[in-house]
């Protein structure tokens, strides 16, 4: 799917630069059975298309694309850290609930 997306969207950009990125993704998603499902997939497709256009047409945007990719990777790392923290908090909350429940059961048994 990735190669089809890169080719299709690149050709679409060459034909008409006025179409918004979101509309290109909608078209691809409908044409290819919900191919793009997450923001991350959308981003990587967008970067691949930008790199291909930069390479094919010698646009000289190497540094800008590297910066954009580095920013996304940093953002992605922050998201992953936040998800890990939420999972850790949920686990701790679940353990606290279990301890409280077993304490209540223990008190009931003692009475």
N, C-alpha and C. Protein backbone atom coordinates (compact mmCIF):
# COMPACT_ATOMS: atom_id res chain seq x y z
N UNK A 1 0.81 -1.18 0.00
CA UNK A 1 0.00 0.00 0.00
C UNK A 1 0.86 1.26 0.00
N UNK A 2 1.96 1.22 0.70
CA UNK A 2 2.80 2.41 0.81
C UNK A 2 3.27 2.88 -0.55
N UNK A 3 3.74 1.96 -1.38
CA UNK A 3 4.26 2.37 -2.69
C UNK A 3 3.14 2.89 -3.59
N UNK A 4 1.97 2.27 -3.50
CA UNK A 4 0.82 2.75 -4.28
C UNK A 4 0.45 4.16 -3.82
N UNK A 5 0.42 4.37 -2.50
CA UNK A 5 0.09 5.68 -1.96
C UNK A 5 1.09 6.74 -2.39
N UNK A 6 2.37 6.41 -2.30
CA UNK A 6 3.40 7.37 -2.70
C UNK A 6 3.24 7.72 -4.17
N UNK A 7 3.09 6.70 -5.01
CA UNK A 7 2.95 6.95 -6.45
C UNK A 7 1.69 7.75 -6.76
N UNK A 8 0.56 7.31 -6.22
CA UNK A 8 -0.73 7.95 -6.51
C UNK A 8 -0.74 9.41 -6.07
N UNK A 9 -0.32 9.65 -4.84
CA UNK A 9 -0.37 11.02 -4.31
C UNK A 9 0.66 11.91 -5.02
N UNK A 10 1.83 11.38 -5.32
CA UNK A 10 2.83 12.16 -6.05
C UNK A 10 2.29 12.59 -7.41
N UNK A 11 1.71 11.65 -8.12
CA UNK A 11 1.14 11.98 -9.44
C UNK A 11 0.02 13.01 -9.30
N UNK A 12 -0.78 12.87 -8.25
CA UNK A 12 -1.87 13.80 -8.00
C UNK A 12 -1.35 15.21 -7.72
N UNK A 13 -0.27 15.31 -6.96
CA UNK A 13 0.34 16.61 -6.65
C UNK A 13 0.88 17.25 -7.92
N UNK A 14 1.49 16.46 -8.77
CA UNK A 14 2.05 16.98 -10.02
C UNK A 14 0.94 17.54 -10.91
N UNK A 15 -0.19 16.85 -10.94
CA UNK A 15 -1.32 17.29 -11.78
C UNK A 15 -1.99 18.55 -11.25
N UNK A 16 -2.15 18.62 -9.91
CA UNK A 16 -2.91 19.74 -9.33
C UNK A 16 -2.37 20.06 -7.94
N UNK A 17 -1.67 21.15 -7.81
CA UNK A 17 -1.08 21.53 -6.52
C UNK A 17 -2.06 22.23 -5.60
N UNK A 18 -3.26 22.52 -6.07
CA UNK A 18 -4.21 23.28 -5.25
C UNK A 18 -5.06 22.41 -4.32
N UNK A 19 -5.02 21.09 -4.50
CA UNK A 19 -5.84 20.20 -3.67
C UNK A 19 -5.20 20.06 -2.29
N UNK A 20 -6.04 20.18 -1.26
CA UNK A 20 -5.55 20.07 0.13
C UNK A 20 -5.11 18.63 0.42
N UNK A 21 -4.14 18.50 1.31
CA UNK A 21 -3.60 17.19 1.69
C UNK A 21 -4.71 16.27 2.20
N UNK A 22 -5.60 16.80 3.01
CA UNK A 22 -6.69 16.01 3.58
C UNK A 22 -7.55 15.40 2.48
N UNK A 23 -7.83 16.16 1.45
CA UNK A 23 -8.65 15.65 0.35
C UNK A 23 -7.93 14.55 -0.43
N UNK A 24 -6.63 14.69 -0.56
CA UNK A 24 -5.86 13.63 -1.22
C UNK A 24 -5.93 12.34 -0.41
N UNK A 25 -5.82 12.46 0.91
CA UNK A 25 -5.89 11.29 1.78
C UNK A 25 -7.27 10.64 1.74
N UNK A 26 -8.31 11.47 1.73
CA UNK A 26 -9.68 10.94 1.64
C UNK A 26 -9.85 10.14 0.36
N UNK A 27 -9.37 10.70 -0.73
CA UNK A 27 -9.49 10.01 -2.02
C UNK A 27 -8.75 8.67 -1.97
N UNK A 28 -7.54 8.69 -1.49
CA UNK A 28 -6.74 7.46 -1.40
C UNK A 28 -7.41 6.46 -0.47
N UNK A 29 -7.90 6.93 0.65
CA UNK A 29 -8.55 6.05 1.63
C UNK A 29 -9.78 5.38 1.03
N UNK A 30 -10.59 6.13 0.29
CA UNK A 30 -11.79 5.55 -0.32
C UNK A 30 -11.44 4.61 -1.47
N UNK A 31 -10.41 4.95 -2.22
CA UNK A 31 -10.01 4.13 -3.36
C UNK A 31 -9.31 2.84 -2.93
N UNK A 32 -8.71 2.86 -1.77
CA UNK A 32 -7.89 1.72 -1.34
C UNK A 32 -8.36 1.10 -0.03
N UNK A 33 -9.63 0.96 0.17
CA UNK A 33 -10.20 0.26 1.32
C UNK A 33 -9.64 0.72 2.65
N UNK A 34 -9.78 2.00 2.92
CA UNK A 34 -9.37 2.59 4.20
C UNK A 34 -7.88 2.41 4.47
N UNK A 35 -7.09 2.66 3.45
CA UNK A 35 -5.65 2.45 3.53
C UNK A 35 -4.97 3.30 4.60
N UNK A 36 -5.32 4.55 4.70
CA UNK A 36 -4.70 5.44 5.69
C UNK A 36 -5.63 5.50 6.90
N UNK A 37 -5.16 5.00 8.04
CA UNK A 37 -6.04 4.91 9.20
C UNK A 37 -5.60 5.76 10.38
N UNK A 38 -4.35 6.17 10.40
CA UNK A 38 -3.87 6.93 11.56
C UNK A 38 -3.13 8.19 11.10
N UNK A 39 -2.97 9.09 12.04
CA UNK A 39 -2.20 10.31 11.77
C UNK A 39 -0.77 9.95 11.42
N UNK A 40 -0.21 8.95 12.09
CA UNK A 40 1.17 8.54 11.81
C UNK A 40 1.32 8.06 10.37
N UNK A 41 0.37 7.25 9.91
CA UNK A 41 0.44 6.78 8.52
C UNK A 41 0.34 7.95 7.55
N UNK A 42 -0.53 8.88 7.88
CA UNK A 42 -0.70 10.07 7.04
C UNK A 42 0.60 10.86 6.98
N UNK A 43 1.23 11.03 8.13
CA UNK A 43 2.47 11.80 8.17
C UNK A 43 3.56 11.12 7.33
N UNK A 44 3.74 9.81 7.52
CA UNK A 44 4.82 9.13 6.81
C UNK A 44 4.57 9.13 5.31
N UNK A 45 3.32 9.02 4.90
CA UNK A 45 3.02 9.11 3.48
C UNK A 45 3.35 10.51 2.96
N UNK A 46 2.98 11.52 3.72
CA UNK A 46 3.26 12.90 3.32
C UNK A 46 4.76 13.12 3.19
N UNK A 47 5.53 12.62 4.14
CA UNK A 47 6.98 12.78 4.08
C UNK A 47 7.57 12.02 2.89
N UNK A 48 7.05 10.82 2.62
CA UNK A 48 7.56 10.04 1.49
C UNK A 48 7.29 10.76 0.17
N UNK A 49 6.10 11.32 0.05
CA UNK A 49 5.76 12.08 -1.16
C UNK A 49 6.67 13.31 -1.28
N UNK A 50 6.86 14.01 -0.18
CA UNK A 50 7.74 15.20 -0.20
C UNK A 50 9.16 14.82 -0.60
N UNK A 51 9.67 13.71 -0.04
CA UNK A 51 11.02 13.26 -0.40
C UNK A 51 11.10 12.87 -1.88
N UNK A 52 10.07 12.18 -2.36
CA UNK A 52 10.07 11.78 -3.77
C UNK A 52 10.06 13.00 -4.69
N UNK A 53 9.19 13.95 -4.39
CA UNK A 53 9.13 15.16 -5.22
C UNK A 53 10.45 15.93 -5.14
N UNK A 54 11.02 16.00 -3.95
CA UNK A 54 12.32 16.67 -3.77
C UNK A 54 13.40 15.98 -4.59
N UNK A 55 13.40 14.66 -4.57
CA UNK A 55 14.39 13.89 -5.31
C UNK A 55 14.18 14.02 -6.82
N UNK A 56 12.93 13.80 -7.26
CA UNK A 56 12.64 13.80 -8.69
C UNK A 56 12.85 15.16 -9.35
N UNK A 57 12.49 16.22 -8.64
CA UNK A 57 12.52 17.56 -9.24
C UNK A 57 13.65 18.44 -8.70
N UNK A 58 14.57 17.82 -7.96
CA UNK A 58 15.74 18.56 -7.43
C UNK A 58 15.31 19.89 -6.80
N UNK A 59 14.39 19.81 -5.84
CA UNK A 59 13.84 21.01 -5.21
C UNK A 59 14.77 21.63 -4.18
N UNK A 60 15.78 20.89 -3.76
CA UNK A 60 16.75 21.44 -2.81
C UNK A 60 16.18 21.63 -1.41
N UNK A 61 15.28 20.76 -1.00
CA UNK A 61 14.64 20.90 0.31
C UNK A 61 15.12 19.84 1.31
N UNK A 62 16.33 19.34 1.11
CA UNK A 62 16.84 18.27 1.97
C UNK A 62 16.85 18.65 3.44
N UNK A 63 17.38 19.80 3.74
CA UNK A 63 17.48 20.23 5.15
C UNK A 63 16.11 20.44 5.78
N UNK A 64 15.19 21.05 5.03
CA UNK A 64 13.84 21.29 5.55
C UNK A 64 13.13 19.96 5.86
N UNK A 65 13.30 18.99 4.96
CA UNK A 65 12.68 17.68 5.17
C UNK A 65 13.30 16.96 6.36
N UNK A 66 14.61 17.09 6.53
CA UNK A 66 15.27 16.48 7.70
C UNK A 66 14.76 17.11 9.00
N UNK A 67 14.60 18.42 9.01
CA UNK A 67 14.09 19.11 10.19
C UNK A 67 12.66 18.67 10.51
N UNK A 68 11.85 18.59 9.47
CA UNK A 68 10.46 18.19 9.65
C UNK A 68 10.37 16.77 10.21
N UNK A 69 11.19 15.89 9.69
CA UNK A 69 11.21 14.51 10.16
C UNK A 69 11.70 14.43 11.60
N UNK A 70 12.72 15.19 11.94
CA UNK A 70 13.23 15.20 13.31
C UNK A 70 12.18 15.70 14.29
N UNK A 71 11.43 16.74 13.89
CA UNK A 71 10.37 17.25 14.76
C UNK A 71 9.30 16.20 14.98
N UNK A 72 8.93 15.49 13.93
CA UNK A 72 7.90 14.46 14.07
C UNK A 72 8.39 13.33 14.96
N UNK A 73 9.63 12.92 14.79
CA UNK A 73 10.17 11.85 15.63
C UNK A 73 10.19 12.25 17.10
N UNK A 74 10.54 13.49 17.37
CA UNK A 74 10.53 13.99 18.75
C UNK A 74 9.11 13.99 19.30
N UNK A 75 8.16 14.45 18.50
CA UNK A 75 6.76 14.47 18.91
C UNK A 75 6.26 13.05 19.15
N UNK A 76 6.62 12.14 18.26
CA UNK A 76 6.21 10.74 18.39
C UNK A 76 6.77 10.13 19.68
N UNK A 77 8.00 10.46 20.00
CA UNK A 77 8.61 9.96 21.24
C UNK A 77 7.87 10.49 22.46
N UNK A 78 7.47 11.75 22.43
CA UNK A 78 6.69 12.32 23.53
C UNK A 78 5.34 11.61 23.67
N UNK A 79 4.70 11.32 22.54
CA UNK A 79 3.42 10.61 22.57
C UNK A 79 3.59 9.21 23.16
N UNK A 80 4.65 8.52 22.76
CA UNK A 80 4.90 7.18 23.28
C UNK A 80 5.17 7.22 24.78
N UNK A 81 5.92 8.22 25.22
CA UNK A 81 6.20 8.36 26.65
C UNK A 81 4.91 8.63 27.43
N UNK A 82 4.04 9.45 26.88
CA UNK A 82 2.76 9.75 27.53
C UNK A 82 1.90 8.49 27.59
N UNK A 83 1.88 7.70 26.53
CA UNK A 83 1.11 6.45 26.52
C UNK A 83 1.65 5.48 27.55
N UNK A 84 2.98 5.36 27.64
CA UNK A 84 3.59 4.48 28.64
C UNK A 84 3.23 4.92 30.05
N UNK A 85 3.23 6.23 30.29
CA UNK A 85 2.89 6.76 31.61
C UNK A 85 1.42 6.46 31.94
N UNK A 86 0.53 6.60 30.96
CA UNK A 86 -0.88 6.31 31.19
C UNK A 86 -1.09 4.83 31.52
N UNK A 87 -0.39 3.96 30.81
CA UNK A 87 -0.48 2.52 31.09
C UNK A 87 0.05 2.22 32.50
N UNK A 88 1.14 2.86 32.86
CA UNK A 88 1.73 2.67 34.18
C UNK A 88 0.76 3.15 35.26
N UNK A 89 0.13 4.30 35.03
CA UNK A 89 -0.85 4.84 35.99
C UNK A 89 -2.06 3.94 36.11
N UNK A 90 -2.55 3.40 34.98
CA UNK A 90 -3.69 2.49 35.00
C UNK A 90 -3.36 1.23 35.80
N UNK A 91 -2.16 0.72 35.57
CA UNK A 91 -1.73 -0.49 36.27
C UNK A 91 -1.67 -0.23 37.77
N UNK A 92 -1.09 0.90 38.15
CA UNK A 92 -0.99 1.26 39.57
C UNK A 92 -2.38 1.45 40.17
N UNK A 93 -3.28 2.06 39.42
CA UNK A 93 -4.66 2.27 39.89
C UNK A 93 -5.37 0.93 40.07
N UNK A 94 -5.15 0.01 39.14
CA UNK A 94 -5.74 -1.32 39.23
C UNK A 94 -5.23 -2.09 40.43
N UNK A 95 -3.93 -1.98 40.70
CA UNK A 95 -3.35 -2.65 41.86
C UNK A 95 -3.89 -2.07 43.16
N UNK A 96 -4.06 -0.75 43.19
CA UNK A 96 -4.60 -0.10 44.39
C UNK A 96 -6.04 -0.54 44.62
N UNK A 97 -6.82 -0.66 43.57
CA UNK A 97 -8.21 -1.12 43.69
C UNK A 97 -8.26 -2.55 44.17
N UNK A 98 -7.37 -3.40 43.66
CA UNK A 98 -7.32 -4.80 44.06
C UNK A 98 -6.96 -4.91 45.54
N UNK A 99 -5.97 -4.12 45.98
CA UNK A 99 -5.56 -4.14 47.39
C UNK A 99 -6.70 -3.69 48.29
N UNK A 100 -7.43 -2.66 47.88
CA UNK A 100 -8.54 -2.14 48.67
C UNK A 100 -9.64 -3.19 48.76
N UNK A 101 -9.95 -3.84 47.63
CA UNK A 101 -10.99 -4.87 47.61
C UNK A 101 -10.60 -6.04 48.51
N UNK A 102 -9.36 -6.47 48.44
CA UNK A 102 -8.95 -7.62 49.28
C UNK A 102 -8.93 -7.21 50.76
N UNK A 103 -8.65 -5.97 51.06
CA UNK A 103 -8.70 -5.48 52.44
C UNK A 103 -10.13 -5.52 52.97
N UNK A 104 -11.08 -5.11 52.13
CA UNK A 104 -12.50 -5.11 52.53
C UNK A 104 -12.96 -6.54 52.76
N UNK A 105 -12.59 -7.46 51.87
CA UNK A 105 -12.95 -8.86 52.00
C UNK A 105 -12.32 -9.43 53.28
N UNK A 106 -11.09 -9.08 53.53
CA UNK A 106 -10.41 -9.55 54.75
C UNK A 106 -11.12 -9.07 56.00
N UNK A 107 -11.55 -7.84 56.03
CA UNK A 107 -12.26 -7.30 57.19
C UNK A 107 -13.59 -8.01 57.38
N UNK A 108 -14.28 -8.29 56.28
CA UNK A 108 -15.57 -8.99 56.37
C UNK A 108 -15.41 -10.38 56.91
N UNK A 109 -14.34 -11.06 56.52
CA UNK A 109 -14.08 -12.42 56.98
C UNK A 109 -13.78 -12.40 58.48
N UNK A 110 -13.04 -11.41 58.94
CA UNK A 110 -12.67 -11.32 60.36
C UNK A 110 -13.86 -11.02 61.24
N UNK A 111 -14.87 -10.37 60.73
CA UNK A 111 -16.02 -10.02 61.55
C UNK A 111 -16.90 -11.20 61.63
